[in-house]
Full PDB file with SEQRES, HELIX, SHEET, SSBOND, CRYST1, ORIGX, SCALE, CONECT and MASTER records, all heavy atoms in Angstrom:
SEQRES   1 A   40  SER ARG ASN GLY LYS LEU LEU ALA LYS VAL LYS ILE VAL          
SEQRES   2 A   40  ASN VAL MET GLU ASP ARG ALA ILE ALA ASN VAL MET PRO          
SEQRES   3 A   40  ASN TRP LYS LEU ASP ASP ILE MET GLU GLY ASP THR VAL          
SEQRES   4 A   40  LEU                                                          
SHEET    1 AA1 2 VAL A  10  VAL A  15  0                                        
SHEET    2 AA1 2 ALA A  20  VAL A  24 -1                                        
CRYST1    1.000    1.000    1.000  90.00  90.00  90.00 P 1           1          
ORIGX1      1.000000  0.000000  0.000000        0.00000                         
ORIGX2      0.000000  1.000000  0.000000        0.00000                         
ORIGX3      0.000000  0.000000  1.000000        0.00000                         
SCALE1      1.000000  0.000000  0.000000        0.00000                         
SCALE2      0.000000  1.000000  0.000000        0.00000                         
SCALE3      0.000000  0.000000  1.000000        0.00000                         
ATOM      1  N   SER A   1       1.956  -5.162 -11.881  1.00  0.00           N  
ATOM      2  CA  SER A   1       2.596  -5.858 -13.000  1.00  0.00           C  
ATOM      3  C   SER A   1       1.775  -5.720 -14.264  1.00  0.00           C  
ATOM      4  O   SER A   1       0.620  -5.324 -14.235  1.00  0.00           O  
ATOM      5  CB  SER A   1       2.769  -7.349 -12.663  1.00  0.00           C  
ATOM      6  OG  SER A   1       1.519  -7.990 -12.552  1.00  0.00           O  
ATOM      7  N   ARG A   2       2.446  -6.009 -15.391  1.00  0.00           N  
ATOM      8  CA  ARG A   2       1.806  -5.993 -16.704  1.00  0.00           C  
ATOM      9  C   ARG A   2       2.407  -7.158 -17.491  1.00  0.00           C  
ATOM     10  O   ARG A   2       3.616  -7.285 -17.610  1.00  0.00           O  
ATOM     11  CB  ARG A   2       2.083  -4.689 -17.442  1.00  0.00           C  
ATOM     12  CG  ARG A   2       1.369  -4.588 -18.776  1.00  0.00           C  
ATOM     13  CD  ARG A   2       1.690  -3.297 -19.549  1.00  0.00           C  
ATOM     14  NE  ARG A   2       1.703  -2.124 -18.652  1.00  0.00           N  
ATOM     15  CZ  ARG A   2       2.744  -1.295 -18.615  1.00  0.00           C  
ATOM     16  NH1 ARG A   2       3.834  -1.481 -19.343  1.00  0.00           N  
ATOM     17  NH2 ARG A   2       2.735  -0.281 -17.804  1.00  0.00           N  
ATOM     18  N   ASN A   3       1.524  -8.049 -17.992  1.00  0.00           N  
ATOM     19  CA  ASN A   3       1.994  -9.163 -18.756  1.00  0.00           C  
ATOM     20  C   ASN A   3       3.064 -10.008 -18.018  1.00  0.00           C  
ATOM     21  O   ASN A   3       4.028 -10.457 -18.593  1.00  0.00           O  
ATOM     22  CB  ASN A   3       2.528  -8.758 -20.099  1.00  0.00           C  
ATOM     23  CG  ASN A   3       1.532  -8.011 -20.940  1.00  0.00           C  
ATOM     24  OD1 ASN A   3       0.305  -8.335 -20.840  1.00  0.00           O  
ATOM     25  ND2 ASN A   3       1.926  -7.024 -21.681  1.00  0.00           N  
ATOM     26  N   GLY A   4       2.872 -10.136 -16.691  1.00  0.00           N  
ATOM     27  CA  GLY A   4       3.781 -10.921 -15.891  1.00  0.00           C  
ATOM     28  C   GLY A   4       5.086 -10.249 -15.500  1.00  0.00           C  
ATOM     29  O   GLY A   4       5.934 -10.837 -14.860  1.00  0.00           O  
ATOM     30  N   LYS A   5       5.247  -9.003 -15.930  1.00  0.00           N  
ATOM     31  CA  LYS A   5       6.489  -8.247 -15.639  1.00  0.00           C  
ATOM     32  C   LYS A   5       6.251  -7.296 -14.447  1.00  0.00           C  
ATOM     33  O   LYS A   5       5.302  -6.487 -14.504  1.00  0.00           O  
ATOM     34  CB  LYS A   5       6.944  -7.444 -16.853  1.00  0.00           C  
ATOM     35  CG  LYS A   5       8.210  -6.642 -16.605  1.00  0.00           C  
ATOM     36  CD  LYS A   5       8.542  -5.783 -17.838  1.00  0.00           C  
ATOM     37  CE  LYS A   5       9.658  -4.840 -17.467  1.00  0.00           C  
ATOM     38  NZ  LYS A   5       9.609  -3.628 -18.205  1.00  0.00           N  
ATOM     39  N   LEU A   6       7.092  -7.373 -13.401  1.00  0.00           N  
ATOM     40  CA  LEU A   6       6.926  -6.485 -12.255  1.00  0.00           C  
ATOM     41  C   LEU A   6       7.282  -5.072 -12.656  1.00  0.00           C  
ATOM     42  O   LEU A   6       8.309  -4.792 -13.251  1.00  0.00           O  
ATOM     43  CB  LEU A   6       7.887  -6.964 -11.130  1.00  0.00           C  
ATOM     44  CG  LEU A   6       7.849  -6.103  -9.851  1.00  0.00           C  
ATOM     45  CD1 LEU A   6       6.494  -6.175  -9.196  1.00  0.00           C  
ATOM     46  CD2 LEU A   6       8.941  -6.607  -8.891  1.00  0.00           C  
ATOM     47  N   LEU A   7       6.379  -4.149 -12.322  1.00  0.00           N  
ATOM     48  CA  LEU A   7       6.581  -2.721 -12.641  1.00  0.00           C  
ATOM     49  C   LEU A   7       6.955  -1.907 -11.419  1.00  0.00           C  
ATOM     50  O   LEU A   7       7.774  -0.994 -11.500  1.00  0.00           O  
ATOM     51  CB  LEU A   7       5.325  -2.133 -13.246  1.00  0.00           C  
ATOM     52  CG  LEU A   7       4.793  -2.787 -14.524  1.00  0.00           C  
ATOM     53  CD1 LEU A   7       3.448  -2.162 -14.916  1.00  0.00           C  
ATOM     54  CD2 LEU A   7       5.775  -2.670 -15.675  1.00  0.00           C  
ATOM     55  N   ALA A   8       6.309  -2.191 -10.285  1.00  0.00           N  
ATOM     56  CA  ALA A   8       6.515  -1.395  -9.075  1.00  0.00           C  
ATOM     57  C   ALA A   8       5.913  -2.072  -7.862  1.00  0.00           C  
ATOM     58  O   ALA A   8       5.091  -3.004  -8.004  1.00  0.00           O  
ATOM     59  CB  ALA A   8       5.897   0.012  -9.291  1.00  0.00           C  
ATOM     60  N   LYS A   9       6.261  -1.529  -6.722  1.00  0.00           N  
ATOM     61  CA  LYS A   9       5.644  -1.918  -5.473  1.00  0.00           C  
ATOM     62  C   LYS A   9       4.982  -0.645  -4.929  1.00  0.00           C  
ATOM     63  O   LYS A   9       5.568   0.416  -5.003  1.00  0.00           O  
ATOM     64  CB  LYS A   9       6.671  -2.435  -4.499  1.00  0.00           C  
ATOM     65  CG  LYS A   9       6.116  -3.162  -3.281  1.00  0.00           C  
ATOM     66  CD  LYS A   9       7.228  -3.479  -2.316  1.00  0.00           C  
ATOM     67  CE  LYS A   9       7.362  -5.000  -2.170  1.00  0.00           C  
ATOM     68  NZ  LYS A   9       8.276  -5.354  -1.076  1.00  0.00           N  
ATOM     69  N   VAL A  10       3.741  -0.784  -4.429  1.00  0.00           N  
ATOM     70  CA  VAL A  10       2.999   0.355  -3.899  1.00  0.00           C  
ATOM     71  C   VAL A  10       2.563   0.085  -2.474  1.00  0.00           C  
ATOM     72  O   VAL A  10       2.407  -1.063  -2.066  1.00  0.00           O  
ATOM     73  CB  VAL A  10       1.772   0.704  -4.795  1.00  0.00           C  
ATOM     74  CG1 VAL A  10       2.241   1.173  -6.187  1.00  0.00           C  
ATOM     75  CG2 VAL A  10       0.823  -0.438  -4.896  1.00  0.00           C  
ATOM     76  N   LYS A  11       2.368   1.190  -1.743  1.00  0.00           N  
ATOM     77  CA  LYS A  11       1.891   1.124  -0.359  1.00  0.00           C  
ATOM     78  C   LYS A  11       0.568   1.825  -0.224  1.00  0.00           C  
ATOM     79  O   LYS A  11       0.409   2.963  -0.646  1.00  0.00           O  
ATOM     80  CB  LYS A  11       2.926   1.762   0.575  1.00  0.00           C  
ATOM     81  CG  LYS A  11       2.595   1.632   2.052  1.00  0.00           C  
ATOM     82  CD  LYS A  11       3.719   2.219   2.851  1.00  0.00           C  
ATOM     83  CE  LYS A  11       3.416   2.065   4.339  1.00  0.00           C  
ATOM     84  NZ  LYS A  11       4.508   2.615   5.164  1.00  0.00           N  
ATOM     85  N   ILE A  12      -0.443   1.133   0.319  1.00  0.00           N  
ATOM     86  CA  ILE A  12      -1.795   1.648   0.503  1.00  0.00           C  
ATOM     87  C   ILE A  12      -1.771   2.775   1.554  1.00  0.00           C  
ATOM     88  O   ILE A  12      -1.339   2.581   2.651  1.00  0.00           O  
ATOM     89  CB  ILE A  12      -2.765   0.535   0.937  1.00  0.00           C  
ATOM     90  CG1 ILE A  12      -2.682  -0.665   0.054  1.00  0.00           C  
ATOM     91  CG2 ILE A  12      -4.196   1.138   1.011  1.00  0.00           C  
ATOM     92  CD1 ILE A  12      -3.030  -0.482  -1.360  1.00  0.00           C  
ATOM     93  N   VAL A  13      -2.248   3.967   1.136  1.00  0.00           N  
ATOM     94  CA  VAL A  13      -2.257   5.125   2.053  1.00  0.00           C  
ATOM     95  C   VAL A  13      -3.677   5.618   2.362  1.00  0.00           C  
ATOM     96  O   VAL A  13      -3.861   6.365   3.280  1.00  0.00           O  
ATOM     97  CB  VAL A  13      -1.417   6.291   1.488  1.00  0.00           C  
ATOM     98  CG1 VAL A  13       0.053   5.952   1.448  1.00  0.00           C  
ATOM     99  CG2 VAL A  13      -1.925   6.745   0.093  1.00  0.00           C  
ATOM    100  N   ASN A  14      -4.664   5.123   1.591  1.00  0.00           N  
ATOM    101  CA  ASN A  14      -6.061   5.520   1.870  1.00  0.00           C  
ATOM    102  C   ASN A  14      -6.948   4.441   1.366  1.00  0.00           C  
ATOM    103  O   ASN A  14      -6.862   4.014   0.159  1.00  0.00           O  
ATOM    104  CB  ASN A  14      -6.353   6.841   1.142  1.00  0.00           C  
ATOM    105  CG  ASN A  14      -7.705   7.448   1.566  1.00  0.00           C  
ATOM    106  OD1 ASN A  14      -8.550   6.785   2.138  1.00  0.00           O  
ATOM    107  ND2 ASN A  14      -7.874   8.702   1.244  1.00  0.00           N  
ATOM    108  N   VAL A  15      -7.827   3.918   2.206  1.00  0.00           N  
ATOM    109  CA  VAL A  15      -8.744   2.790   1.787  1.00  0.00           C  
ATOM    110  C   VAL A  15     -10.209   3.280   1.886  1.00  0.00           C  
ATOM    111  O   VAL A  15     -10.619   3.723   2.968  1.00  0.00           O  
ATOM    112  CB  VAL A  15      -8.538   1.528   2.666  1.00  0.00           C  
ATOM    113  CG1 VAL A  15      -9.451   0.425   2.205  1.00  0.00           C  
ATOM    114  CG2 VAL A  15      -7.099   1.106   2.681  1.00  0.00           C  
ATOM    115  N   MET A  16     -10.916   3.222   0.791  1.00  0.00           N  
ATOM    116  CA  MET A  16     -12.331   3.488   0.763  1.00  0.00           C  
ATOM    117  C   MET A  16     -13.122   2.199   0.573  1.00  0.00           C  
ATOM    118  O   MET A  16     -12.501   1.147   0.505  1.00  0.00           O  
ATOM    119  CB  MET A  16     -12.624   4.491  -0.343  1.00  0.00           C  
ATOM    120  CG  MET A  16     -12.084   5.892  -0.051  1.00  0.00           C  
ATOM    121  SD  MET A  16     -11.695   6.814  -1.532  1.00  0.00           S  
ATOM    122  CE  MET A  16      -9.979   6.358  -1.803  1.00  0.00           C  
ATOM    123  N   GLU A  17     -14.408   2.265   0.492  1.00  0.00           N  
ATOM    124  CA  GLU A  17     -15.202   1.016   0.406  1.00  0.00           C  
ATOM    125  C   GLU A  17     -14.844   0.181  -0.819  1.00  0.00           C  
ATOM    126  O   GLU A  17     -14.664  -1.019  -0.699  1.00  0.00           O  
ATOM    127  CB  GLU A  17     -16.688   1.360   0.422  1.00  0.00           C  
ATOM    128  CG  GLU A  17     -17.598   0.183   0.641  1.00  0.00           C  
ATOM    129  CD  GLU A  17     -17.370  -0.533   1.965  1.00  0.00           C  
ATOM    130  OE1 GLU A  17     -17.034   0.086   2.958  1.00  0.00           O  
ATOM    131  OE2 GLU A  17     -17.489  -1.777   1.969  1.00  0.00           O  
ATOM    132  N   ASP A  18     -14.750   0.841  -1.990  1.00  0.00           N  
ATOM    133  CA  ASP A  18     -14.523   0.089  -3.226  1.00  0.00           C  
ATOM    134  C   ASP A  18     -13.319   0.506  -4.018  1.00  0.00           C  
ATOM    135  O   ASP A  18     -13.131   0.093  -5.158  1.00  0.00           O  
ATOM    136  CB  ASP A  18     -15.784   0.188  -4.095  1.00  0.00           C  
ATOM    137  CG  ASP A  18     -16.094   1.615  -4.493  1.00  0.00           C  
ATOM    138  OD1 ASP A  18     -15.479   2.576  -3.948  1.00  0.00           O  
ATOM    139  OD2 ASP A  18     -16.978   1.847  -5.347  1.00  0.00           O  
ATOM    140  N   ARG A  19     -12.442   1.316  -3.411  1.00  0.00           N  
ATOM    141  CA  ARG A  19     -11.190   1.670  -4.076  1.00  0.00           C  
ATOM    142  C   ARG A  19     -10.141   2.111  -3.025  1.00  0.00           C  
ATOM    143  O   ARG A  19     -10.491   2.360  -1.885  1.00  0.00           O  
ATOM    144  CB  ARG A  19     -11.394   2.724  -5.119  1.00  0.00           C  
ATOM    145  CG  ARG A  19     -11.864   4.042  -4.636  1.00  0.00           C  
ATOM    146  CD  ARG A  19     -12.193   4.983  -5.787  1.00  0.00           C  
ATOM    147  NE  ARG A  19     -12.686   6.246  -5.327  1.00  0.00           N  
ATOM    148  CZ  ARG A  19     -13.902   6.542  -4.973  1.00  0.00           C  
ATOM    149  NH1 ARG A  19     -14.839   5.623  -5.004  1.00  0.00           N  
ATOM    150  NH2 ARG A  19     -14.259   7.725  -4.554  1.00  0.00           N  
ATOM    151  N   ALA A  20      -8.914   2.235  -3.484  1.00  0.00           N  
ATOM    152  CA  ALA A  20      -7.847   2.609  -2.552  1.00  0.00           C  
ATOM    153  C   ALA A  20      -6.817   3.435  -3.332  1.00  0.00           C  
ATOM    154  O   ALA A  20      -6.698   3.346  -4.547  1.00  0.00           O  
ATOM    155  CB  ALA A  20      -7.180   1.392  -1.950  1.00  0.00           C  
ATOM    156  N   ILE A  21      -6.075   4.279  -2.562  1.00  0.00           N  
ATOM    157  CA  ILE A  21      -4.991   5.066  -3.111  1.00  0.00           C  
ATOM    158  C   ILE A  21      -3.731   4.508  -2.594  1.00  0.00           C  
ATOM    159  O   ILE A  21      -3.598   4.201  -1.385  1.00  0.00           O  
ATOM    160  CB  ILE A  21      -5.143   6.543  -2.703  1.00  0.00           C  
ATOM    161  CG1 ILE A  21      -6.469   7.084  -3.299  1.00  0.00           C  
ATOM    162  CG2 ILE A  21      -3.960   7.348  -3.207  1.00  0.00           C  
ATOM    163  CD1 ILE A  21      -6.828   8.464  -2.803  1.00  0.00           C  
ATOM    164  N   ALA A  22      -2.723   4.340  -3.456  1.00  0.00           N  
ATOM    165  CA  ALA A  22      -1.416   3.804  -3.068  1.00  0.00           C  
ATOM    166  C   ALA A  22      -0.312   4.588  -3.640  1.00  0.00           C  
ATOM    167  O   ALA A  22      -0.376   4.998  -4.788  1.00  0.00           O  
ATOM    168  CB  ALA A  22      -1.342   2.328  -3.536  1.00  0.00           C  
ATOM    169  N   ASN A  23       0.693   4.844  -2.794  1.00  0.00           N  
ATOM    170  CA  ASN A  23       1.883   5.572  -3.266  1.00  0.00           C  
ATOM    171  C   ASN A  23       2.902   4.559  -3.829  1.00  0.00           C  
ATOM    172  O   ASN A  23       3.087   3.495  -3.246  1.00  0.00           O  
ATOM    173  CB  ASN A  23       2.539   6.325  -2.086  1.00  0.00           C  
ATOM    174  CG  ASN A  23       1.763   7.565  -1.710  1.00  0.00           C  
ATOM    175  OD1 ASN A  23       0.994   8.098  -2.484  1.00  0.00           O  
ATOM    176  ND2 ASN A  23       1.938   7.986  -0.472  1.00  0.00           N  
ATOM    177  N   VAL A  24       3.567   4.961  -4.915  1.00  0.00           N  
ATOM    178  CA  VAL A  24       4.616   4.150  -5.478  1.00  0.00           C  
ATOM    179  C   VAL A  24       5.821   4.231  -4.516  1.00  0.00           C  
ATOM    180  O   VAL A  24       6.229   5.346  -4.105  1.00  0.00           O  
ATOM    181  CB  VAL A  24       5.006   4.614  -6.851  1.00  0.00           C  
ATOM    182  CG1 VAL A  24       6.153   3.777  -7.423  1.00  0.00           C  
ATOM    183  CG2 VAL A  24       3.789   4.539  -7.802  1.00  0.00           C  
ATOM    184  N   MET A  25       6.354   3.102  -4.095  1.00  0.00           N  
ATOM    185  CA  MET A  25       7.479   3.119  -3.108  1.00  0.00           C  
ATOM    186  C   MET A  25       8.761   3.524  -3.807  1.00  0.00           C  
ATOM    187  O   MET A  25       9.092   2.967  -4.884  1.00  0.00           O  
ATOM    188  CB  MET A  25       7.581   1.747  -2.475  1.00  0.00           C  
ATOM    189  CG  MET A  25       6.348   1.398  -1.621  1.00  0.00           C  
ATOM    190  SD  MET A  25       6.360  -0.295  -0.975  1.00  0.00           S  
ATOM    191  CE  MET A  25       7.744  -0.225   0.141  1.00  0.00           C  
ATOM    192  N   PRO A  26       9.514   4.415  -3.193  1.00  0.00           N  
ATOM    193  CA  PRO A  26      10.801   4.820  -3.774  1.00  0.00           C  
ATOM    194  C   PRO A  26      11.722   3.604  -3.939  1.00  0.00           C  
ATOM    195  O   PRO A  26      11.658   2.681  -3.143  1.00  0.00           O  
ATOM    196  CB  PRO A  26      11.402   5.777  -2.736  1.00  0.00           C  
ATOM    197  CG  PRO A  26      10.239   6.170  -1.901  1.00  0.00           C  
ATOM    198  CD  PRO A  26       9.234   5.090  -1.949  1.00  0.00           C  
ATOM    199  N   ASN A  27      12.496   3.602  -4.953  1.00  0.00           N  
ATOM    200  CA  ASN A  27      13.442   2.495  -5.267  1.00  0.00           C  
ATOM    201  C   ASN A  27      12.757   1.206  -5.708  1.00  0.00           C  
ATOM    202  O   ASN A  27      13.383   0.223  -5.924  1.00  0.00           O  
ATOM    203  CB  ASN A  27      14.363   2.200  -4.084  1.00  0.00           C  
ATOM    204  CG  ASN A  27      15.136   3.411  -3.651  1.00  0.00           C  
ATOM    205  OD1 ASN A  27      15.508   4.268  -4.448  1.00  0.00           O  
ATOM    206  ND2 ASN A  27      15.317   3.537  -2.340  1.00  0.00           N  
ATOM    207  N   TRP A  28      11.419   1.233  -5.815  1.00  0.00           N  
ATOM    208  CA  TRP A  28      10.691   0.032  -6.290  1.00  0.00           C  
ATOM    209  C   TRP A  28       9.986   0.270  -7.613  1.00  0.00           C  
ATOM    210  O   TRP A  28       9.230  -0.557  -8.055  1.00  0.00           O  
ATOM    211  CB  TRP A  28       9.644  -0.417  -5.208  1.00  0.00           C  
ATOM    212  CG  TRP A  28      10.267  -1.267  -4.147  1.00  0.00           C  
ATOM    213  CD1 TRP A  28      10.720  -0.870  -2.959  1.00  0.00           C  
ATOM    214  CD2 TRP A  28      10.518  -2.654  -4.227  1.00  0.00           C  
ATOM    215  NE1 TRP A  28      11.216  -1.923  -2.242  1.00  0.00           N  
ATOM    216  CE2 TRP A  28      11.123  -3.054  -3.035  1.00  0.00           C  
ATOM    217  CE3 TRP A  28      10.297  -3.640  -5.236  1.00  0.00           C  
ATOM    218  CZ2 TRP A  28      11.481  -4.346  -2.767  1.00  0.00           C  
ATOM    219  CZ3 TRP A  28      10.645  -4.933  -4.951  1.00  0.00           C  
ATOM    220  CH2 TRP A  28      11.217  -5.297  -3.759  1.00  0.00           C  
ATOM    221  N   LYS A  29      10.234   1.395  -8.228  1.00  0.00           N  
ATOM    222  CA  LYS A  29       9.585   1.682  -9.511  1.00  0.00           C  
ATOM    223  C   LYS A  29      10.529   1.249 -10.626  1.00  0.00           C  
ATOM    224  O   LYS A  29      11.565   1.861 -10.860  1.00  0.00           O  
ATOM    225  CB  LYS A  29       9.274   3.172  -9.663  1.00  0.00           C  
ATOM    226  CG  LYS A  29       8.457   3.485 -10.883  1.00  0.00           C  
ATOM    227  CD  LYS A  29       8.005   4.914 -10.921  1.00  0.00           C  
ATOM    228  CE  LYS A  29       7.228   5.227 -12.177  1.00  0.00           C  
ATOM    229  NZ  LYS A  29       6.774   6.560 -12.206  1.00  0.00           N  
ATOM    230  N   LEU A  30      10.188   0.141 -11.295  1.00  0.00           N  
ATOM    231  CA  LEU A  30      11.022  -0.421 -12.326  1.00  0.00           C  
ATOM    232  C   LEU A  30      10.606   0.044 -13.732  1.00  0.00           C  
ATOM    233  O   LEU A  30      11.416   0.006 -14.651  1.00  0.00           O  
ATOM    234  CB  LEU A  30      10.994  -1.927 -12.233  1.00  0.00           C  
ATOM    235  CG  LEU A  30      11.306  -2.543 -10.863  1.00  0.00           C  
ATOM    236  CD1 LEU A  30      11.080  -4.022 -10.847  1.00  0.00           C  
ATOM    237  CD2 LEU A  30      12.716  -2.174 -10.430  1.00  0.00           C  
ATOM    238  N   ASP A  31       9.377   0.474 -13.871  1.00  0.00           N  
ATOM    239  CA  ASP A  31       8.825   0.927 -15.150  1.00  0.00           C  
ATOM    240  C   ASP A  31       7.617   1.775 -14.911  1.00  0.00           C  
ATOM    241  O   ASP A  31       7.066   1.769 -13.793  1.00  0.00           O  
ATOM    242  CB  ASP A  31       8.493  -0.312 -16.035  1.00  0.00           C  
ATOM    243  CG  ASP A  31       8.588   0.046 -17.524  1.00  0.00           C  
ATOM    244  OD1 ASP A  31       8.556   1.256 -17.864  1.00  0.00           O  
ATOM    245  OD2 ASP A  31       8.649  -0.888 -18.348  1.00  0.00           O  
ATOM    246  N   ASP A  32       7.145   2.486 -15.940  1.00  0.00           N  
ATOM    247  CA  ASP A  32       5.973   3.349 -15.750  1.00  0.00           C  
ATOM    248  C   ASP A  32       4.719   2.512 -15.594  1.00  0.00           C  
ATOM    249  O   ASP A  32       4.559   1.482 -16.249  1.00  0.00           O  
ATOM    250  CB  ASP A  32       5.798   4.256 -16.952  1.00  0.00           C  
ATOM    251  CG  ASP A  32       6.855   5.375 -17.021  1.00  0.00           C  
ATOM    252  OD1 ASP A  32       7.383   5.734 -15.934  1.00  0.00           O  
ATOM    253  OD2 ASP A  32       7.153   5.839 -18.103  1.00  0.00           O  
ATOM    254  N   ILE A  33       3.842   2.933 -14.702  1.00  0.00           N  
ATOM    255  CA  ILE A  33       2.553   2.288 -14.453  1.00  0.00           C  
ATOM    256  C   ILE A  33       1.498   2.884 -15.376  1.00  0.00           C  
ATOM    257  O   ILE A  33       1.494   4.130 -15.570  1.00  0.00           O  
ATOM    258  CB  ILE A  33       2.166   2.428 -12.969  1.00  0.00           C  
ATOM    259  CG1 ILE A  33       3.241   1.809 -12.103  1.00  0.00           C  
ATOM    260  CG2 ILE A  33       0.788   1.751 -12.715  1.00  0.00           C  
ATOM    261  CD1 ILE A  33       3.039   2.069 -10.602  1.00  0.00           C  
ATOM    262  N   MET A  34       0.616   2.069 -15.930  1.00  0.00           N  
ATOM    263  CA  MET A  34      -0.450   2.535 -16.775  1.00  0.00           C  
ATOM    264  C   MET A  34      -1.799   2.089 -16.253  1.00  0.00           C  
ATOM    265  O   MET A  34      -1.875   1.105 -15.528  1.00  0.00           O  
ATOM    266  CB  MET A  34      -0.259   2.036 -18.217  1.00  0.00           C  
ATOM    267  CG  MET A  34       0.976   2.547 -18.896  1.00  0.00           C  
ATOM    268  SD  MET A  34       1.379   1.920 -20.519  1.00  0.00           S  
ATOM    269  CE  MET A  34      -0.003   0.980 -21.007  1.00  0.00           C  
ATOM    270  N   GLU A  35      -2.888   2.792 -16.642  1.00  0.00           N  
ATOM    271  CA  GLU A  35      -4.216   2.366 -16.290  1.00  0.00           C  
ATOM    272  C   GLU A  35      -4.423   0.950 -16.827  1.00  0.00           C  
ATOM    273  O   GLU A  35      -4.004   0.656 -17.965  1.00  0.00           O  
ATOM    274  CB  GLU A  35      -5.271   3.298 -16.841  1.00  0.00           C  
ATOM    275  CG  GLU A  35      -5.206   4.676 -16.148  1.00  0.00           C  
ATOM    276  CD  GLU A  35      -6.188   5.666 -16.769  1.00  0.00           C  
ATOM    277  OE1 GLU A  35      -7.071   5.256 -17.536  1.00  0.00           O  
ATOM    278  OE2 GLU A  35      -6.063   6.859 -16.457  1.00  0.00           O  
ATOM    279  N   GLY A  36      -5.044   0.095 -16.074  1.00  0.00           N  
ATOM    280  CA  GLY A  36      -5.317  -1.260 -16.510  1.00  0.00           C  
ATOM    281  C   GLY A  36      -4.268  -2.255 -16.096  1.00  0.00           C  
ATOM    282  O   GLY A  36      -4.454  -3.481 -16.232  1.00  0.00           O  
ATOM    283  N   ASP A  37      -3.129  -1.817 -15.501  1.00  0.00           N  
ATOM    284  CA  ASP A  37      -2.137  -2.764 -15.012  1.00  0.00           C  
ATOM    285  C   ASP A  37      -2.720  -3.553 -13.855  1.00  0.00           C  
ATOM    286  O   ASP A  37      -3.612  -3.082 -13.126  1.00  0.00           O  
ATOM    287  CB  ASP A  37      -0.875  -1.996 -14.574  1.00  0.00           C  
ATOM    288  CG  ASP A  37      -0.065  -1.512 -15.740  1.00  0.00           C  
ATOM    289  OD1 ASP A  37      -0.227  -1.994 -16.857  1.00  0.00           O  
ATOM    290  OD2 ASP A  37       0.788  -0.599 -15.515  1.00  0.00           O  
ATOM    291  N   THR A  38      -2.153  -4.724 -13.629  1.00  0.00           N  
ATOM    292  CA  THR A  38      -2.649  -5.629 -12.584  1.00  0.00           C  
ATOM    293  C   THR A  38      -1.981  -5.268 -11.262  1.00  0.00           C  
ATOM    294  O   THR A  38      -0.787  -4.982 -11.213  1.00  0.00           O  
ATOM    295  CB  THR A  38      -2.308  -7.063 -12.997  1.00  0.00           C  
ATOM    296  OG1 THR A  38      -2.930  -7.364 -14.225  1.00  0.00           O  
ATOM    297  CG2 THR A  38      -2.853  -8.063 -11.942  1.00  0.00           C  
ATOM    298  N   VAL A  39      -2.772  -5.359 -10.183  1.00  0.00           N  
ATOM    299  CA  VAL A  39      -2.267  -5.149  -8.833  1.00  0.00           C  
ATOM    300  C   VAL A  39      -2.474  -6.410  -8.056  1.00  0.00           C  
ATOM    301  O   VAL A  39      -3.573  -6.975  -8.042  1.00  0.00           O  
ATOM    302  CB  VAL A  39      -3.020  -3.951  -8.143  1.00  0.00           C  
ATOM    303  CG1 VAL A  39      -2.415  -3.638  -6.807  1.00  0.00           C  
ATOM    304  CG2 VAL A  39      -2.990  -2.709  -8.999  1.00  0.00           C  
ATOM    305  N   LEU A  40      -1.458  -6.895  -7.378  1.00  0.00           N  
ATOM    306  CA  LEU A  40      -1.545  -8.155  -6.600  1.00  0.00           C  
ATOM    307  C   LEU A  40      -1.199  -7.884  -5.170  1.00  0.00           C  
ATOM    308  O   LEU A  40      -0.240  -7.162  -4.832  1.00  0.00           O  
ATOM    309  CB  LEU A  40      -0.524  -9.178  -7.158  1.00  0.00           C  
ATOM    310  CG  LEU A  40      -0.673  -9.534  -8.621  1.00  0.00           C  
ATOM    311  CD1 LEU A  40       0.524 -10.296  -9.126  1.00  0.00           C  
ATOM    312  CD2 LEU A  40      -1.929 -10.337  -8.821  1.00  0.00           C  
TER     313      LEU A  40                                                      
MASTER        0    0    0    0    2    0    0    6  312    1    0    4          
END                                                                             
């Protein structure tokens, strides 16, 4: 999300110690994701 607006849903595909990679789920991308967006 950004500024309280839902942008997308992502699924975690790779988990490392201090970061993770997530794929954007098809049909759940409502807007473009940018660096700095919040992940919940």
